[in-house]
Structure formats: structure tokens, C-alpha cells
PDB file of all heavy atoms in Angstrom:
ATOM      1  N   GLU A   1      -6.244 -10.426 -14.934  1.00  0.00           N
ATOM      2  CA  GLU A   1      -5.269  -9.322 -15.052  1.00  0.00           C
ATOM      3  C   GLU A   1      -4.752  -8.897 -13.546  1.00  0.00           C
ATOM      4  O   GLU A   1      -5.547  -8.949 -12.745  1.00  0.00           O
ATOM      5  CB  GLU A   1      -5.830  -8.170 -15.782  1.00  0.00           C
ATOM      6  CG  GLU A   1      -6.070  -8.346 -17.193  1.00  0.00           C
ATOM      7  CD  GLU A   1      -6.610  -7.120 -17.972  1.00  0.00           C
ATOM      8  OE1 GLU A   1      -6.779  -6.161 -17.339  1.00  0.00           O
ATOM      9  OE2 GLU A   1      -6.749  -7.214 -19.119  1.00  0.00           O
ATOM     10  N   ARG A   2      -3.575  -8.349 -13.562  1.00  0.00           N
ATOM     11  CA  ARG A   2      -3.107  -7.653 -12.322  1.00  0.00           C
ATOM     12  C   ARG A   2      -3.943  -6.422 -12.097  1.00  0.00           C
ATOM     13  O   ARG A   2      -4.213  -5.667 -12.924  1.00  0.00           O
ATOM     14  CB  ARG A   2      -1.571  -7.324 -12.437  1.00  0.00           C
ATOM     15  CG  ARG A   2      -0.692  -8.455 -12.597  1.00  0.00           C
ATOM     16  CD  ARG A   2       0.760  -8.043 -12.691  1.00  0.00           C
ATOM     17  NE  ARG A   2       1.525  -9.019 -12.791  1.00  0.00           N
ATOM     18  CZ  ARG A   2       2.191  -9.326 -14.059  1.00  0.00           C
ATOM     19  NH1 ARG A   2       1.970  -8.464 -15.107  1.00  0.00           N
ATOM     20  NH2 ARG A   2       3.157 -10.368 -14.157  1.00  0.00           N
ATOM     21  N   LYS A   3      -4.309  -6.212 -10.840  1.00  0.00           N
ATOM     22  CA  LYS A   3      -4.926  -4.904 -10.507  1.00  0.00           C
ATOM     23  C   LYS A   3      -4.356  -4.358  -9.190  1.00  0.00           C
ATOM     24  O   LYS A   3      -3.906  -5.257  -8.298  1.00  0.00           O
ATOM     25  CB  LYS A   3      -6.353  -5.276 -10.202  1.00  0.00           C
ATOM     26  CG  LYS A   3      -7.276  -5.642 -11.474  1.00  0.00           C
ATOM     27  CD  LYS A   3      -8.696  -5.804 -11.116  1.00  0.00           C
ATOM     28  CE  LYS A   3      -9.512  -6.095 -12.391  1.00  0.00           C
ATOM     29  NZ  LYS A   3     -10.983  -6.295 -12.183  1.00  0.00           N
ATOM     30  N   TRP A   4      -4.216  -3.127  -9.088  1.00  0.00           N
ATOM     31  CA  TRP A   4      -3.654  -2.584  -8.009  1.00  0.00           C
ATOM     32  C   TRP A   4      -4.534  -2.602  -6.794  1.00  0.00           C
ATOM     33  O   TRP A   4      -5.739  -2.612  -6.896  1.00  0.00           O
ATOM     34  CB  TRP A   4      -3.209  -1.124  -8.248  1.00  0.00           C
ATOM     35  CG  TRP A   4      -4.288  -0.068  -8.302  1.00  0.00           C
ATOM     36  CD1 TRP A   4      -4.908   0.323  -9.423  1.00  0.00           C
ATOM     37  CD2 TRP A   4      -4.803   0.596  -7.268  1.00  0.00           C
ATOM     38  NE1 TRP A   4      -5.831   1.245  -9.066  1.00  0.00           N
ATOM     39  CE2 TRP A   4      -5.787   1.497  -7.849  1.00  0.00           C
ATOM     40  CE3 TRP A   4      -4.556   0.623  -5.866  1.00  0.00           C
ATOM     41  CZ2 TRP A   4      -6.565   2.309  -7.007  1.00  0.00           C
ATOM     42  CZ3 TRP A   4      -5.400   1.523  -5.075  1.00  0.00           C
ATOM     43  CH2 TRP A   4      -6.294   2.395  -5.674  1.00  0.00           C
ATOM     44  N   VAL A   5      -3.914  -2.798  -5.598  1.00  0.00           N
ATOM     45  CA  VAL A   5      -4.762  -2.890  -4.366  1.00  0.00           C
ATOM     46  C   VAL A   5      -4.369  -1.812  -3.313  1.00  0.00           C
ATOM     47  O   VAL A   5      -5.131  -1.380  -2.454  1.00  0.00           O
ATOM     48  CB  VAL A   5      -4.576  -4.260  -3.702  1.00  0.00           C
ATOM     49  CG1 VAL A   5      -5.139  -5.435  -4.529  1.00  0.00           C
ATOM     50  CG2 VAL A   5      -3.093  -4.498  -3.314  1.00  0.00           C
ATOM     51  N   ALA A   6      -3.044  -1.234  -3.569  1.00  0.00           N
ATOM     52  CA  ALA A   6      -2.626  -0.204  -2.614  1.00  0.00           C
ATOM     53  C   ALA A   6      -1.666   0.674  -3.406  1.00  0.00           C
ATOM     54  O   ALA A   6      -0.848   0.209  -4.219  1.00  0.00           O
ATOM     55  CB  ALA A   6      -1.959  -0.732  -1.419  1.00  0.00           C
ATOM     56  N   ARG A   7      -1.667   1.902  -3.187  1.00  0.00           N
ATOM     57  CA  ARG A   7      -0.781   2.922  -3.862  1.00  0.00           C
ATOM     58  C   ARG A   7      -0.332   3.980  -3.009  1.00  0.00           C
ATOM     59  O   ARG A   7      -1.076   4.428  -2.071  1.00  0.00           O
ATOM     60  CB  ARG A   7      -1.520   3.418  -5.092  1.00  0.00           C
ATOM     61  CG  ARG A   7      -2.900   4.098  -4.862  1.00  0.00           C
ATOM     62  CD  ARG A   7      -3.580   4.357  -6.082  1.00  0.00           C
ATOM     63  NE  ARG A   7      -3.032   5.511  -6.802  1.00  0.00           N
ATOM     64  CZ  ARG A   7      -3.395   5.837  -8.031  1.00  0.00           C
ATOM     65  NH1 ARG A   7      -4.308   5.102  -8.769  1.00  0.00           N
ATOM     66  NH2 ARG A   7      -2.815   6.842  -8.658  1.00  0.00           N
ATOM     67  N   ILE A   8       0.864   4.488  -3.141  1.00  0.00           N
ATOM     68  CA  ILE A   8       1.355   5.564  -2.397  1.00  0.00           C
ATOM     69  C   ILE A   8       2.160   6.541  -3.441  1.00  0.00           C
ATOM     70  O   ILE A   8       2.936   6.100  -4.289  1.00  0.00           O
ATOM     71  CB  ILE A   8       2.273   5.032  -1.301  1.00  0.00           C
ATOM     72  CG1 ILE A   8       2.846   6.226  -0.419  1.00  0.00           C
ATOM     73  CG2 ILE A   8       3.490   4.264  -1.870  1.00  0.00           C
ATOM     74  CD1 ILE A   8       3.556   5.708   0.888  1.00  0.00           C
ATOM     75  N   SER A   9       1.847   7.908  -3.308  1.00  0.00           N
ATOM     76  CA  SER A   9       2.417   8.810  -4.226  1.00  0.00           C
ATOM     77  C   SER A   9       3.727   9.369  -3.600  1.00  0.00           C
ATOM     78  O   SER A   9       4.042   9.131  -2.386  1.00  0.00           O
ATOM     79  CB  SER A   9       1.439   9.969  -4.390  1.00  0.00           C
ATOM     80  OG  SER A   9       1.360  10.856  -3.355  1.00  0.00           O
ATOM     81  N   ALA A  10       4.457  10.030  -4.320  1.00  0.00           N
ATOM     82  CA  ALA A  10       5.740  10.753  -3.842  1.00  0.00           C
ATOM     83  C   ALA A  10       5.385  11.644  -2.681  1.00  0.00           C
ATOM     84  O   ALA A  10       6.161  11.926  -1.835  1.00  0.00           O
ATOM     85  CB  ALA A  10       6.459  11.353  -5.040  1.00  0.00           C
ATOM     86  N   ALA A  11       4.209  12.266  -2.744  1.00  0.00           N
ATOM     87  CA  ALA A  11       3.692  13.118  -1.512  1.00  0.00           C
ATOM     88  C   ALA A  11       3.134  12.396  -0.554  1.00  0.00           C
ATOM     89  O   ALA A  11       2.443  12.955   0.399  1.00  0.00           O
ATOM     90  CB  ALA A  11       2.773  14.139  -2.087  1.00  0.00           C
ATOM     91  N   ASP A  12       3.231  10.977  -0.545  1.00  0.00           N
ATOM     92  CA  ASP A  12       2.666  10.057   0.474  1.00  0.00           C
ATOM     93  C   ASP A  12       1.137  10.139   0.603  1.00  0.00           C
ATOM     94  O   ASP A  12       0.567   9.915   1.596  1.00  0.00           O
ATOM     95  CB  ASP A  12       3.213  10.484   1.818  1.00  0.00           C
ATOM     96  CG  ASP A  12       4.747  10.126   2.017  1.00  0.00           C
ATOM     97  OD1 ASP A  12       5.102   9.134   1.308  1.00  0.00           O
ATOM     98  OD2 ASP A  12       5.320  10.580   2.945  1.00  0.00           O
ATOM     99  N   THR A  13       0.451  10.484  -0.594  1.00  0.00           N
ATOM    100  CA  THR A  13      -0.996  10.323  -0.705  1.00  0.00           C
ATOM    101  C   THR A  13      -1.213   8.753  -0.842  1.00  0.00           C
ATOM    102  O   THR A  13      -0.678   8.099  -1.757  1.00  0.00           O
ATOM    103  CB  THR A  13      -1.629  11.008  -1.877  1.00  0.00           C
ATOM    104  OG1 THR A  13      -1.218  12.444  -1.608  1.00  0.00           O
ATOM    105  CG2 THR A  13      -3.043  10.926  -1.868  1.00  0.00           C
ATOM    106  N   ILE A  14      -2.131   8.167  -0.052  1.00  0.00           N
ATOM    107  CA  ILE A  14      -2.352   6.715  -0.055  1.00  0.00           C
ATOM    108  C   ILE A  14      -3.714   6.478  -0.468  1.00  0.00           C
ATOM    109  O   ILE A  14      -4.634   7.084   0.020  1.00  0.00           O
ATOM    110  CB  ILE A  14      -1.905   6.118   1.298  1.00  0.00           C
ATOM    111  CG1 ILE A  14      -0.330   6.189   1.475  1.00  0.00           C
ATOM    112  CG2 ILE A  14      -2.445   4.687   1.409  1.00  0.00           C
ATOM    113  CD1 ILE A  14       0.095   5.769   2.943  1.00  0.00           C
ATOM    114  N   SER A  15      -3.913   5.461  -1.226  1.00  0.00           N
ATOM    115  CA  SER A  15      -5.203   4.857  -1.481  1.00  0.00           C
ATOM    116  C   SER A  15      -5.201   3.453  -1.608  1.00  0.00           C
ATOM    117  O   SER A  15      -4.143   2.783  -1.868  1.00  0.00           O
ATOM    118  CB  SER A  15      -5.820   5.624  -2.720  1.00  0.00           C
ATOM    119  OG  SER A  15      -5.138   5.437  -3.693  1.00  0.00           O
ATOM    120  N   TYR A  16      -6.396   2.819  -1.338  1.00  0.00           N
ATOM    121  CA  TYR A  16      -6.578   1.385  -1.347  1.00  0.00           C
ATOM    122  C   TYR A  16      -7.806   0.983  -2.130  1.00  0.00           C
ATOM    123  O   TYR A  16      -8.722   1.784  -2.219  1.00  0.00           O
ATOM    124  CB  TYR A  16      -6.758   0.841   0.003  1.00  0.00           C
ATOM    125  CG  TYR A  16      -5.665   1.108   1.063  1.00  0.00           C
ATOM    126  CD1 TYR A  16      -5.583   2.156   1.876  1.00  0.00           C
ATOM    127  CD2 TYR A  16      -4.439   0.294   0.945  1.00  0.00           C
ATOM    128  CE1 TYR A  16      -4.542   2.486   2.674  1.00  0.00           C
ATOM    129  CE2 TYR A  16      -3.335   0.517   1.825  1.00  0.00           C
ATOM    130  CZ  TYR A  16      -3.451   1.708   2.668  1.00  0.00           C
ATOM    131  OH  TYR A  16      -2.443   1.972   3.468  1.00  0.00           O
ATOM    132  N   SER A  17      -7.750  -0.291  -2.721  1.00  0.00           N
ATOM    133  CA  SER A  17      -8.931  -0.702  -3.324  1.00  0.00           C
ATOM    134  C   SER A  17      -9.975  -1.023  -2.150  1.00  0.00           C
ATOM    135  O   SER A  17      -9.550  -1.354  -1.072  1.00  0.00           O
ATOM    136  CB  SER A  17      -8.649  -1.898  -4.128  1.00  0.00           C
ATOM    137  OG  SER A  17      -8.223  -3.075  -3.344  1.00  0.00           O
ATOM    138  N   ASP A  18     -11.163  -0.987  -2.531  1.00  0.00           N
ATOM    139  CA  ASP A  18     -12.234  -1.373  -1.411  1.00  0.00           C
ATOM    140  C   ASP A  18     -12.005  -2.699  -0.896  1.00  0.00           C
ATOM    141  O   ASP A  18     -12.453  -2.793   0.228  1.00  0.00           O
ATOM    142  CB  ASP A  18     -13.633  -1.147  -2.160  1.00  0.00           C
ATOM    143  CG  ASP A  18     -13.944   0.226  -2.538  1.00  0.00           C
ATOM    144  OD1 ASP A  18     -13.323   1.128  -1.937  1.00  0.00           O
ATOM    145  OD2 ASP A  18     -15.054   0.442  -3.254  1.00  0.00           O
ATOM    146  N   SER A  19     -11.520  -3.557  -1.677  1.00  0.00           N
ATOM    147  CA  SER A  19     -11.452  -5.025  -1.194  1.00  0.00           C
ATOM    148  C   SER A  19     -10.348  -5.205  -0.001  1.00  0.00           C
ATOM    149  O   SER A  19     -10.492  -6.039   0.800  1.00  0.00           O
ATOM    150  CB  SER A  19     -11.100  -5.929  -2.330  1.00  0.00           C
ATOM    151  OG  SER A  19      -9.809  -5.584  -2.899  1.00  0.00           O
ATOM    152  N   VAL A  20      -9.490  -4.229   0.132  1.00  0.00           N
ATOM    153  CA  VAL A  20      -8.405  -4.344   1.165  1.00  0.00           C
ATOM    154  C   VAL A  20      -8.404  -3.295   2.122  1.00  0.00           C
ATOM    155  O   VAL A  20      -7.675  -3.218   3.101  1.00  0.00           O
ATOM    156  CB  VAL A  20      -7.031  -4.509   0.485  1.00  0.00           C
ATOM    157  CG1 VAL A  20      -6.981  -5.524  -0.597  1.00  0.00           C
ATOM    158  CG2 VAL A  20      -6.575  -3.185  -0.174  1.00  0.00           C
ATOM    159  N   LYS A  21      -9.143  -2.212   1.889  1.00  0.00           N
ATOM    160  CA  LYS A  21      -9.241  -0.985   2.720  1.00  0.00           C
ATOM    161  C   LYS A  21      -9.541  -1.490   4.173  1.00  0.00           C
ATOM    162  O   LYS A  21     -10.501  -2.231   4.404  1.00  0.00           O
ATOM    163  CB  LYS A  21     -10.350  -0.065   2.158  1.00  0.00           C
ATOM    164  CG  LYS A  21     -10.248   1.343   2.792  1.00  0.00           C
ATOM    165  CD  LYS A  21     -11.205   2.306   2.112  1.00  0.00           C
ATOM    166  CE  LYS A  21     -10.948   2.370   0.582  1.00  0.00           C
ATOM    167  NZ  LYS A  21     -11.946   3.295  -0.078  1.00  0.00           N
ATOM    168  N   GLY A  22      -8.805  -0.785   5.119  1.00  0.00           N
ATOM    169  CA  GLY A  22      -8.855  -1.133   6.500  1.00  0.00           C
ATOM    170  C   GLY A  22      -8.209  -2.443   6.923  1.00  0.00           C
ATOM    171  O   GLY A  22      -8.161  -2.646   8.239  1.00  0.00           O
ATOM    172  N   ARG A  23      -7.577  -3.155   5.964  1.00  0.00           N
ATOM    173  CA  ARG A  23      -6.848  -4.399   6.357  1.00  0.00           C
ATOM    174  C   ARG A  23      -5.426  -4.272   5.913  1.00  0.00           C
ATOM    175  O   ARG A  23      -4.631  -4.930   6.577  1.00  0.00           O
ATOM    176  CB  ARG A  23      -7.507  -5.602   5.782  1.00  0.00           C
ATOM    177  CG  ARG A  23      -8.887  -5.870   6.245  1.00  0.00           C
ATOM    178  CD  ARG A  23      -9.478  -7.223   5.649  1.00  0.00           C
ATOM    179  NE  ARG A  23      -9.640  -7.211   4.224  1.00  0.00           N
ATOM    180  CZ  ARG A  23      -8.935  -8.026   3.427  1.00  0.00           C
ATOM    181  NH1 ARG A  23      -8.193  -9.053   4.004  1.00  0.00           N
ATOM    182  NH2 ARG A  23      -9.038  -7.971   2.131  1.00  0.00           N
ATOM    183  N   PHE A  24      -5.112  -3.660   4.808  1.00  0.00           N
ATOM    184  CA  PHE A  24      -3.817  -3.577   4.280  1.00  0.00           C
ATOM    185  C   PHE A  24      -3.255  -2.229   4.568  1.00  0.00           C
ATOM    186  O   PHE A  24      -4.045  -1.262   4.607  1.00  0.00           O
ATOM    187  CB  PHE A  24      -3.762  -3.781   2.800  1.00  0.00           C
ATOM    188  CG  PHE A  24      -4.100  -5.287   2.299  1.00  0.00           C
ATOM    189  CD1 PHE A  24      -4.554  -6.257   3.350  1.00  0.00           C
ATOM    190  CD2 PHE A  24      -3.964  -5.636   0.984  1.00  0.00           C
ATOM    191  CE1 PHE A  24      -4.879  -7.518   2.997  1.00  0.00           C
ATOM    192  CE2 PHE A  24      -4.104  -6.982   0.725  1.00  0.00           C
ATOM    193  CZ  PHE A  24      -4.637  -7.882   1.605  1.00  0.00           C
ATOM    194  N   THR A  25      -1.902  -2.047   4.783  1.00  0.00           N
ATOM    195  CA  THR A  25      -1.346  -0.781   4.914  1.00  0.00           C
ATOM    196  C   THR A  25      -0.085  -0.740   4.060  1.00  0.00           C
ATOM    197  O   THR A  25       0.795  -1.606   4.136  1.00  0.00           O
ATOM    198  CB  THR A  25      -0.884  -0.523   6.417  1.00  0.00           C
ATOM    199  OG1 THR A  25      -2.080  -0.611   7.170  1.00  0.00           O
ATOM    200  CG2 THR A  25      -0.283   0.852   6.566  1.00  0.00           C
ATOM    201  N   ILE A  26      -0.056   0.201   3.150  1.00  0.00           N
ATOM    202  CA  ILE A  26       1.243   0.439   2.323  1.00  0.00           C
ATOM    203  C   ILE A  26       2.145   1.541   2.926  1.00  0.00           C
ATOM    204  O   ILE A  26       1.727   2.374   3.627  1.00  0.00           O
ATOM    205  CB  ILE A  26       0.799   0.737   0.913  1.00  0.00           C
ATOM    206  CG1 ILE A  26       2.036   0.767  -0.152  1.00  0.00           C
ATOM    207  CG2 ILE A  26       0.214   2.170   0.832  1.00  0.00           C
ATOM    208  CD1 ILE A  26       1.648   1.053  -1.567  1.00  0.00           C
ATOM    209  N   SER A  27       3.400   1.217   2.806  1.00  0.00           N
ATOM    210  CA  SER A  27       4.400   2.243   3.300  1.00  0.00           C
ATOM    211  C   SER A  27       5.643   2.067   2.550  1.00  0.00           C
ATOM    212  O   SER A  27       5.861   1.177   1.664  1.00  0.00           O
ATOM    213  CB  SER A  27       4.796   1.927   4.767  1.00  0.00           C
ATOM    214  OG  SER A  27       5.358   0.608   4.932  1.00  0.00           O
ATOM    215  N   ARG A  28       6.537   3.044   2.637  1.00  0.00           N
ATOM    216  CA  ARG A  28       7.756   3.301   1.824  1.00  0.00           C
ATOM    217  C   ARG A  28       8.855   3.680   2.737  1.00  0.00           C
ATOM    218  O   ARG A  28       8.784   4.439   3.524  1.00  0.00           O
ATOM    219  CB  ARG A  28       7.457   4.264   0.817  1.00  0.00           C
ATOM    220  CG  ARG A  28       8.539   4.379  -0.254  1.00  0.00           C
ATOM    221  CD  ARG A  28       8.126   5.502  -1.260  1.00  0.00           C
ATOM    222  NE  ARG A  28       7.981   6.833  -0.610  1.00  0.00           N
ATOM    223  CZ  ARG A  28       7.090   7.699  -0.947  1.00  0.00           C
ATOM    224  NH1 ARG A  28       6.322   7.372  -2.010  1.00  0.00           N
ATOM    225  NH2 ARG A  28       6.898   8.708  -0.257  1.00  0.00           N
ATOM    226  N   ASP A  29      10.077   3.173   2.505  1.00  0.00           N
ATOM    227  CA  ASP A  29      11.181   3.606   3.148  1.00  0.00           C
ATOM    228  C   ASP A  29      12.081   4.105   2.045  1.00  0.00           C
ATOM    229  O   ASP A  29      12.787   3.403   1.353  1.00  0.00           O
ATOM    230  CB  ASP A  29      11.885   2.334   3.956  1.00  0.00           C
ATOM    231  CG  ASP A  29      13.005   2.811   4.793  1.00  0.00           C
ATOM    232  OD1 ASP A  29      13.815   3.784   4.353  1.00  0.00           O
ATOM    233  OD2 ASP A  29      13.299   2.155   5.754  1.00  0.00           O
ATOM    234  N   ASN A  30      12.193   5.487   1.975  1.00  0.00           N
ATOM    235  CA  ASN A  30      12.941   6.127   1.021  1.00  0.00           C
ATOM    236  C   ASN A  30      14.466   5.723   1.215  1.00  0.00           C
ATOM    237  O   ASN A  30      15.211   5.646   0.249  1.00  0.00           O
ATOM    238  CB  ASN A  30      12.803   7.486   0.965  1.00  0.00           C
ATOM    239  CG  ASN A  30      11.354   7.942   0.593  1.00  0.00           C
ATOM    240  OD1 ASN A  30      10.643   7.211  -0.039  1.00  0.00           O
ATOM    241  ND2 ASN A  30      10.935   9.177   1.075  1.00  0.00           N
ATOM    242  N   ALA A  31      14.951   5.711   2.379  1.00  0.00           N
ATOM    243  CA  ALA A  31      16.352   5.461   2.676  1.00  0.00           C
ATOM    244  C   ALA A  31      16.878   4.073   2.178  1.00  0.00           C
ATOM    245  O   ALA A  31      17.988   3.929   1.815  1.00  0.00           O
ATOM    246  CB  ALA A  31      16.646   5.739   4.104  1.00  0.00           C
ATOM    247  N   LYS A  32      16.069   3.171   2.246  1.00  0.00           N
ATOM    248  CA  LYS A  32      16.266   1.869   1.858  1.00  0.00           C
ATOM    249  C   LYS A  32      15.782   1.408   0.508  1.00  0.00           C
ATOM    250  O   LYS A  32      16.086   0.372   0.021  1.00  0.00           O
ATOM    251  CB  LYS A  32      15.741   0.810   2.897  1.00  0.00           C
ATOM    252  CG  LYS A  32      16.323   0.959   4.280  1.00  0.00           C
ATOM    253  CD  LYS A  32      15.717  -0.028   5.236  1.00  0.00           C
ATOM    254  CE  LYS A  32      16.397   0.062   6.688  1.00  0.00           C
ATOM    255  NZ  LYS A  32      15.809  -0.873   7.528  1.00  0.00           N
ATOM    256  N   ASN A  33      15.073   2.404  -0.058  1.00  0.00           N
ATOM    257  CA  ASN A  33      14.397   1.994  -1.495  1.00  0.00           C
ATOM    258  C   ASN A  33      13.452   0.866  -1.444  1.00  0.00           C
ATOM    259  O   ASN A  33      13.669  -0.080  -2.225  1.00  0.00           O
ATOM    260  CB  ASN A  33      15.474   2.030  -2.593  1.00  0.00           C
ATOM    261  CG  ASN A  33      16.177   3.285  -2.851  1.00  0.00           C
ATOM    262  OD1 ASN A  33      15.573   4.303  -2.733  1.00  0.00           O
ATOM    263  ND2 ASN A  33      17.497   3.153  -3.207  1.00  0.00           N
ATOM    264  N   MET A  34      12.678   0.822  -0.382  1.00  0.00           N
ATOM    265  CA  MET A  34      11.831  -0.272  -0.122  1.00  0.00           C
ATOM    266  C   MET A  34      10.334   0.155  -0.140  1.00  0.00           C
ATOM    267  O   MET A  34      10.063   1.198   0.258  1.00  0.00           O
ATOM    268  CB  MET A  34      12.124  -1.070   1.132  1.00  0.00           C
ATOM    269  CG  MET A  34      13.514  -1.577   1.265  1.00  0.00           C
ATOM    270  SD  MET A  34      13.614  -3.060   0.205  1.00  0.00           S
ATOM    271  CE  MET A  34      12.515  -4.178   1.098  1.00  0.00           C
ATOM    272  N   LEU A  35       9.522  -0.781  -0.644  1.00  0.00           N
ATOM    273  CA  LEU A  35       8.045  -0.599  -0.445  1.00  0.00           C
ATOM    274  C   LEU A  35       7.481  -1.827   0.331  1.00  0.00           C
ATOM    275  O   LEU A  35       7.964  -2.900   0.055  1.00  0.00           O
ATOM    276  CB  LEU A  35       7.455  -0.531  -1.857  1.00  0.00           C
ATOM    277  CG  LEU A  35       5.974  -0.285  -2.041  1.00  0.00           C
ATOM    278  CD1 LEU A  35       5.748   1.244  -1.677  1.00  0.00           C
ATOM    279  CD2 LEU A  35       5.487  -0.508  -3.517  1.00  0.00           C
ATOM    280  N   TYR A  36       6.483  -1.477   1.128  1.00  0.00           N
ATOM    281  CA  TYR A  36       5.868  -2.462   2.036  1.00  0.00           C
ATOM    282  C   TYR A  36       4.545  -2.595   1.795  1.00  0.00           C
ATOM    283  O   TYR A  36       3.749  -1.679   1.584  1.00  0.00           O
ATOM    284  CB  TYR A  36       6.399  -2.318   3.374  1.00  0.00           C
ATOM    285  CG  TYR A  36       7.882  -2.197   3.700  1.00  0.00           C
ATOM    286  CD1 TYR A  36       8.361  -1.005   3.847  1.00  0.00           C
ATOM    287  CD2 TYR A  36       8.711  -3.368   3.719  1.00  0.00           C
ATOM    288  CE1 TYR A  36       9.824  -0.927   4.170  1.00  0.00           C
ATOM    289  CE2 TYR A  36       9.984  -3.332   4.037  1.00  0.00           C
ATOM    290  CZ  TYR A  36      10.526  -2.008   4.239  1.00  0.00           C
ATOM    291  OH  TYR A  36      11.924  -1.966   4.496  1.00  0.00           O
ATOM    292  N   LEU A  37       3.929  -3.744   2.264  1.00  0.00           N
ATOM    293  CA  LEU A  37       2.524  -4.020   2.187  1.00  0.00           C
ATOM    294  C   LEU A  37       2.238  -4.967   3.519  1.00  0.00           C
ATOM    295  O   LEU A  37       2.496  -6.023   3.479  1.00  0.00           O
ATOM    296  CB  LEU A  37       1.944  -4.620   1.013  1.00  0.00           C
ATOM    297  CG  LEU A  37       0.321  -4.689   1.014  1.00  0.00           C
ATOM    298  CD1 LEU A  37      -0.104  -3.285   0.908  1.00  0.00           C
ATOM    299  CD2 LEU A  37      -0.218  -5.541  -0.226  1.00  0.00           C
ATOM    300  N   GLN A  38       1.708  -4.237   4.601  1.00  0.00           N
ATOM    301  CA  GLN A  38       1.383  -4.962   5.654  1.00  0.00           C
ATOM    302  C   GLN A  38      -0.118  -5.434   5.509  1.00  0.00           C
ATOM    303  O   GLN A  38      -1.039  -4.544   5.244  1.00  0.00           O
ATOM    304  CB  GLN A  38       1.421  -4.101   6.961  1.00  0.00           C
ATOM    305  CG  GLN A  38       0.861  -4.723   8.223  1.00  0.00           C
ATOM    306  CD  GLN A  38       1.778  -5.836   8.672  1.00  0.00           C
ATOM    307  OE1 GLN A  38       2.932  -5.799   8.668  1.00  0.00           O
ATOM    308  NE2 GLN A  38       1.087  -6.991   9.043  1.00  0.00           N
ATOM    309  N   MET A  39      -0.404  -6.765   5.595  1.00  0.00           N
ATOM    310  CA  MET A  39      -1.712  -7.296   5.319  1.00  0.00           C
ATOM    311  C   MET A  39      -2.224  -7.970   6.604  1.00  0.00           C
ATOM    312  O   MET A  39      -1.513  -8.922   7.077  1.00  0.00           O
ATOM    313  CB  MET A  39      -1.519  -8.335   4.141  1.00  0.00           C
ATOM    314  CG  MET A  39      -0.964  -7.693   2.895  1.00  0.00           C
ATOM    315  SD  MET A  39      -0.982  -8.870   1.555  1.00  0.00           S
ATOM    316  CE  MET A  39       0.091 -10.181   2.101  1.00  0.00           C
ATOM    317  N   ASN A  40      -3.197  -7.555   7.082  1.00  0.00           N
ATOM    318  CA  ASN A  40      -3.738  -8.018   8.282  1.00  0.00           C
ATOM    319  C   ASN A  40      -5.205  -8.582   7.957  1.00  0.00           C
ATOM    320  O   ASN A  40      -5.931  -8.376   7.029  1.00  0.00           O
ATOM    321  CB  ASN A  40      -3.929  -6.895   9.361  1.00  0.00           C
ATOM    322  CG  ASN A  40      -2.693  -6.382   9.787  1.00  0.00           C
ATOM    323  OD1 ASN A  40      -1.688  -7.105   9.862  1.00  0.00           O
ATOM    324  ND2 ASN A  40      -2.678  -5.140  10.227  1.00  0.00           N
ATOM    325  N   ASN A  41      -5.707  -9.462   8.854  1.00  0.00           N
ATOM    326  CA  ASN A  41      -6.995 -10.107   8.648  1.00  0.00           C
ATOM    327  C   ASN A  41      -7.176 -10.730   7.346  1.00  0.00           C
ATOM    328  O   ASN A  41      -8.178 -10.451   6.572  1.00  0.00           O
ATOM    329  CB  ASN A  41      -8.029  -9.206   9.054  1.00  0.00           C
ATOM    330  CG  ASN A  41      -9.513  -9.750   9.134  1.00  0.00           C
ATOM    331  OD1 ASN A  41      -9.564 -11.016   9.440  1.00  0.00           O
ATOM    332  ND2 ASN A  41     -10.525  -9.010   8.914  1.00  0.00           N
ATOM    333  N   LEU A  42      -6.112 -11.507   6.972  1.00  0.00           N
ATOM    334  CA  LEU A  42      -6.229 -11.931   5.604  1.00  0.00           C
ATOM    335  C   LEU A  42      -7.319 -13.048   5.485  1.00  0.00           C
ATOM    336  O   LEU A  42      -7.718 -13.765   6.355  1.00  0.00           O
ATOM    337  CB  LEU A  42      -4.893 -12.637   5.177  1.00  0.00           C
ATOM    338  CG  LEU A  42      -3.760 -11.723   4.886  1.00  0.00           C
ATOM    339  CD1 LEU A  42      -2.414 -12.394   5.073  1.00  0.00           C
ATOM    340  CD2 LEU A  42      -3.899 -11.211   3.497  1.00  0.00           C
TER     341      LEU A  42
END
């Protein structure tokens, strides 16, 4: 099943699953209606 690994709220509260914490970064660009996931140390 699909499982979430990163989440961001409208208030910019961010959380990560333990498996990616410290390596992945979620961000959002409201002006462009874009969501991003920077993944490091894959």
C-alpha cells in the first residue's frame, strides 16, 4: 500500500516518517501551486 513519507500542513507544520527523517525535505510553493520533495542520501 502507499504510505506517506512527508507531510506539510496549510500552517507549514511538517512531519516525516522515521524512515526518511533527516534525509528528505518537503516544501511548497503557493504561488506556483507546487509541492516538492528534496531527497538526499538516497
